[in-house]
Protein backbone atom coordinates (compact mmCIF):
# COMPACT_ATOMS: atom_id res chain seq x y z
CA MET A 1 -119.69 -21.64 90.24
CA SER A 2 -119.55 -23.67 87.04
CA ALA A 3 -120.81 -22.26 83.74
CA PRO A 4 -124.36 -23.26 82.81
CA ASP A 5 -124.75 -26.18 80.44
CA VAL A 6 -125.60 -24.64 77.05
CA PRO A 7 -127.09 -26.84 74.31
CA PRO A 8 -124.90 -26.83 71.21
CA ARG A 9 -125.68 -24.48 68.35
CA ASP A 10 -124.96 -25.44 64.77
CA ALA A 11 -121.37 -24.25 64.61
CA ALA A 12 -121.21 -24.90 60.89
CA ALA A 13 -124.11 -22.54 60.14
CA VAL A 14 -123.07 -18.96 59.42
CA PRO A 15 -125.83 -16.45 60.27
CA PRO A 16 -126.75 -14.17 57.31
CA CYS A 17 -126.05 -11.02 59.29
CA ARG A 18 -124.04 -8.94 56.90
CA LEU A 19 -126.76 -6.27 56.65
CA ILE A 20 -129.73 -6.48 59.01
CA ALA A 21 -132.55 -4.04 58.28
CA ILE A 22 -134.60 -3.39 61.38
CA THR A 23 -138.16 -2.14 61.04
CA ASP A 24 -139.24 1.12 62.58
CA ASP A 25 -143.03 1.66 62.63
CA LEU A 26 -146.35 1.22 60.83
CA ARG A 27 -146.69 4.76 59.53
CA ASP A 28 -147.66 3.36 56.11
CA GLY A 29 -149.55 0.32 57.34
CA ARG A 30 -148.69 -3.35 57.06
CA GLU A 31 -148.44 -3.32 53.32
CA GLY A 32 -146.15 -0.31 53.37
CA LEU A 33 -143.84 -1.90 55.91
CA VAL A 34 -143.66 -5.12 53.90
CA ALA A 35 -142.92 -3.09 50.72
CA ARG A 36 -140.09 -1.29 52.47
CA ALA A 37 -138.69 -4.57 53.71
CA ALA A 38 -138.82 -6.03 50.21
CA ALA A 39 -137.07 -2.97 48.81
CA ALA A 40 -134.33 -3.31 51.45
CA VAL A 41 -133.78 -6.92 50.41
CA ARG A 42 -133.52 -5.88 46.72
CA GLY A 43 -130.84 -3.46 47.81
CA GLY A 44 -128.80 -6.05 49.61
CA ALA A 45 -130.22 -6.57 53.13
CA THR A 46 -129.44 -10.10 54.22
CA MET A 47 -131.90 -10.24 57.08
CA ILE A 48 -135.00 -8.40 58.28
CA GLN A 49 -135.57 -7.90 62.01
CA LEU A 50 -139.17 -7.17 62.91
CA ARG A 51 -139.14 -4.66 65.73
CA LEU A 52 -142.39 -2.86 66.48
CA LYS A 53 -142.58 -1.48 70.00
CA HIS A 54 -146.09 -1.05 71.55
CA ILE A 55 -147.74 -3.36 68.99
CA ASP A 56 -150.02 -6.06 70.42
CA PRO A 57 -148.87 -9.74 69.95
CA ARG A 58 -151.70 -10.63 67.57
CA THR A 59 -150.90 -7.77 65.19
CA MET A 60 -147.19 -8.55 65.46
CA THR A 61 -147.80 -12.19 64.56
CA ASP A 62 -149.95 -11.25 61.58
CA ILE A 63 -147.29 -8.85 60.27
CA ALA A 64 -144.51 -11.42 60.87
CA ARG A 65 -146.38 -14.10 58.89
CA VAL A 66 -146.68 -11.78 55.91
CA LEU A 67 -143.09 -10.73 56.07
CA VAL A 68 -141.91 -14.42 56.25
CA ALA A 69 -144.03 -15.19 53.21
CA GLU A 70 -143.02 -12.10 51.16
CA VAL A 71 -139.31 -11.52 51.61
CA ALA A 72 -136.53 -13.75 50.31
CA VAL A 73 -134.22 -13.51 53.30
CA PRO A 74 -134.52 -14.71 56.93
CA VAL A 75 -136.93 -12.74 59.13
CA ILE A 76 -136.17 -12.60 62.85
CA ILE A 77 -138.40 -11.22 65.57
CA ASN A 78 -137.30 -8.70 68.19
CA ASP A 79 -137.66 -10.05 71.81
CA ARG A 80 -140.53 -12.43 71.20
CA ALA A 81 -139.39 -16.03 70.64
CA ASP A 82 -143.01 -17.18 70.98
CA ILE A 83 -144.06 -15.04 68.03
CA ALA A 84 -141.03 -16.15 66.04
CA LEU A 85 -141.90 -19.85 66.56
CA ALA A 86 -145.61 -19.28 65.93
CA CYS A 87 -145.13 -17.55 62.57
CA GLY A 88 -142.29 -19.65 61.24
CA ALA A 89 -139.68 -16.94 61.46
CA ALA A 90 -135.99 -17.77 61.09
CA GLY A 91 -135.16 -16.69 64.64
CA VAL A 92 -135.27 -14.11 67.42
CA HIS A 93 -133.15 -11.30 68.70
CA VAL A 94 -133.05 -10.87 72.46
CA GLY A 95 -131.72 -8.29 74.91
CA PRO A 96 -130.37 -8.41 78.43
CA ASP A 97 -133.87 -8.39 79.95
CA ASP A 98 -135.32 -11.12 77.75
CA VAL A 99 -135.19 -14.94 78.04
CA PRO A 100 -131.49 -15.88 77.87
CA ALA A 101 -130.16 -17.38 74.64
CA ALA A 102 -129.04 -20.53 76.44
CA ALA A 103 -132.57 -21.19 77.69
CA LEU A 104 -134.07 -20.51 74.23
CA ARG A 105 -131.57 -22.86 72.63
CA ARG A 106 -133.01 -25.74 74.71
CA ILE A 107 -136.42 -25.38 73.12
CA ALA A 108 -135.58 -23.95 69.73
CA PRO A 109 -135.82 -26.15 66.63
CA PRO A 110 -132.68 -26.95 64.61
CA GLY A 111 -131.42 -23.98 62.61
CA PHE A 112 -133.34 -21.42 64.70
CA LEU A 113 -131.27 -18.24 64.78
CA ILE A 114 -130.69 -16.43 68.09
CA GLY A 115 -129.14 -12.96 68.16
CA VAL A 116 -128.13 -11.38 71.45
CA SER A 117 -127.62 -7.68 72.26
CA VAL A 118 -124.29 -6.94 73.90
CA GLY A 119 -123.37 -3.49 75.18
CA SER A 120 -120.92 -4.18 77.96
CA ASP A 121 -118.62 -6.86 79.33
CA ALA A 122 -121.40 -7.89 81.67
CA ASP A 123 -123.60 -8.80 78.70
CA VAL A 124 -121.03 -11.07 77.03
CA ALA A 125 -121.81 -14.10 79.22
CA MET A 126 -125.49 -13.82 78.20
CA ALA A 127 -124.48 -14.45 74.58
CA ALA A 128 -123.79 -18.15 75.30
CA GLY A 129 -126.10 -20.15 73.10
CA GLY A 130 -126.47 -17.38 70.55
CA ASP A 131 -125.56 -17.41 66.90
CA TYR A 132 -124.41 -13.79 66.67
CA VAL A 133 -124.20 -10.67 68.83
CA GLY A 134 -125.48 -7.18 68.14
CA ILE A 135 -122.93 -4.81 69.66
CA GLY A 136 -123.67 -1.20 70.43
CA PRO A 137 -124.64 1.43 70.35
CA VAL A 138 -121.41 2.14 68.48
CA TYR A 139 -122.47 5.73 67.87
CA GLY A 140 -125.25 7.89 69.29
CA THR A 141 -128.67 7.04 67.99
CA ALA A 142 -132.17 8.45 68.24
CA SER A 143 -133.83 5.27 66.88
CA LYS A 144 -133.56 3.45 70.26
CA LEU A 145 -134.04 5.73 73.25
CA ASP A 146 -132.96 3.02 75.67
CA ALA A 147 -129.83 2.09 73.78
CA GLY A 148 -127.42 3.52 76.33
CA ASP A 149 -124.17 5.44 75.83
CA ALA A 150 -122.14 5.03 72.66
CA ILE A 151 -119.21 2.61 73.05
CA GLY A 152 -117.27 3.73 70.01
CA LEU A 153 -115.05 1.66 67.67
CA LEU A 154 -112.70 0.57 70.48
CA GLY A 155 -115.64 -0.70 72.50
CA LEU A 156 -116.98 -2.54 69.50
CA ALA A 157 -113.61 -4.23 68.82
CA HIS A 158 -113.24 -5.26 72.46
CA LEU A 159 -116.70 -6.74 72.78
CA ALA A 160 -116.52 -8.48 69.40
CA SER A 161 -113.35 -10.24 70.51
CA ALA A 162 -114.77 -11.10 73.91
CA ALA A 163 -118.04 -12.55 72.55
CA ALA A 164 -116.25 -14.81 70.01
CA LEU A 165 -119.33 -14.88 67.79
CA PRO A 166 -120.12 -13.07 64.55
CA ALA A 167 -120.55 -9.47 65.61
CA VAL A 168 -123.05 -7.00 64.19
CA ALA A 169 -122.47 -3.33 64.83
CA ILE A 170 -125.63 -1.32 65.67
CA GLY A 171 -126.32 2.22 66.76
CA GLY A 172 -125.95 5.24 64.50
CA VAL A 173 -124.16 3.34 61.70
CA THR A 174 -124.40 5.19 58.37
CA VAL A 175 -122.87 5.06 54.91
CA ALA A 176 -120.12 7.30 56.24
CA THR A 177 -119.20 4.92 59.07
CA ALA A 178 -120.06 1.46 57.75
CA ALA A 179 -116.51 0.77 56.57
CA ASP A 180 -115.09 1.82 59.91
CA VAL A 181 -117.14 -0.66 61.92
CA ILE A 182 -116.28 -3.48 59.55
CA ALA A 183 -112.60 -2.57 59.89
CA ALA A 184 -113.00 -2.60 63.65
CA GLY A 185 -114.07 -6.22 63.66
CA ALA A 186 -117.77 -6.35 62.87
CA SER A 187 -119.08 -9.06 60.58
CA GLY A 188 -121.97 -6.84 59.57
CA ILE A 189 -124.22 -4.00 60.56
CA ALA A 190 -127.79 -3.56 61.72
CA VAL A 191 -129.66 -0.31 61.00
CA ILE A 192 -133.12 1.13 61.55
CA ALA A 193 -133.35 4.71 60.25
CA ALA A 194 -130.60 4.31 57.64
CA ILE A 195 -132.85 1.94 55.68
CA PHE A 196 -136.40 1.97 56.99
CA GLY A 197 -136.31 5.73 57.52
CA ALA A 198 -135.01 6.40 53.99
CA SER A 199 -137.25 7.62 51.23
CA ASP A 200 -135.72 4.89 49.01
CA PRO A 201 -134.87 1.82 51.16
CA GLU A 202 -133.53 -0.14 48.18
CA SER A 203 -130.96 2.54 47.31
CA ALA A 204 -130.11 3.06 50.95
CA ALA A 205 -129.37 -0.64 51.48
CA ARG A 206 -127.32 -0.78 48.27
CA ALA A 207 -125.22 2.22 49.42
CA LEU A 208 -124.61 0.64 52.77
CA ARG A 209 -123.44 -2.63 51.21
CA ARG A 210 -121.00 -0.73 48.98
CA ALA A 211 -119.67 1.23 51.95
CA MET A 212 -119.22 -1.94 53.99
CA ASP A 213 -117.18 -3.49 51.19
CA ARG A 214 -114.60 -0.75 51.71
CA GLY A 215 -113.91 -2.11 55.19
CA VAL A 216 -111.64 -5.04 55.99
CA PRO A 217 -113.33 -8.22 54.63
CA ALA A 218 -114.77 -10.55 57.25
CA SER A 219 -112.87 -13.71 58.04
CA PRO A 220 -114.63 -16.62 56.39
CA ALA A 221 -113.76 -18.84 59.36
CA ARG A 222 -115.94 -16.87 61.79
CA ARG A 223 -117.92 -14.27 59.97
CA PRO A 224 -120.55 -14.25 57.23
CA GLY A 225 -119.77 -13.06 53.78
CA PRO A 226 -121.98 -10.75 51.70
């Protein structure tokens, strides 16, 4: 069977996925969430991923519009390409059970970012049409109960090579391990609790950026810089 025809992505565009801060919940309301996102950006987050499980689409859209207006980095929406397009977000991040990246690429406007979760060899083919892959969980994590078993640094390195797209390590990444995942081949990291669960998201993001800089620098040919 031949591979599906995938509309071309903008190969010259490098996704700003050095440090993706993923939202956790609305414990402090919409304003609190936006304030934490803004603090993360001041600390060095290069992208915000809006992920709010069990929130109705209308509320999600309202929050997304405020985030897009208030933060100075791209905002992407977890799972929901329709919400991303409706609120003017920079893109969407999809998992194995969501609309495939190749199908989204056919309807997405130019420059629309598509991230794809990859946790196994079987997921790699689904990354076709994506701009970057989120690989993990690298370590055990309590932030995503459905994340699956940890794949470790060797699994990260293998899947990053197989996907041939900028790779973002996710799952239990902390200041203590950020340099290790960069050295293993990740272009960047994505975290939930390490930033949005911190009492000071700005300082937490800054510490992660410093830790990442101790890893092997990303190749400018394939991976985004700071």
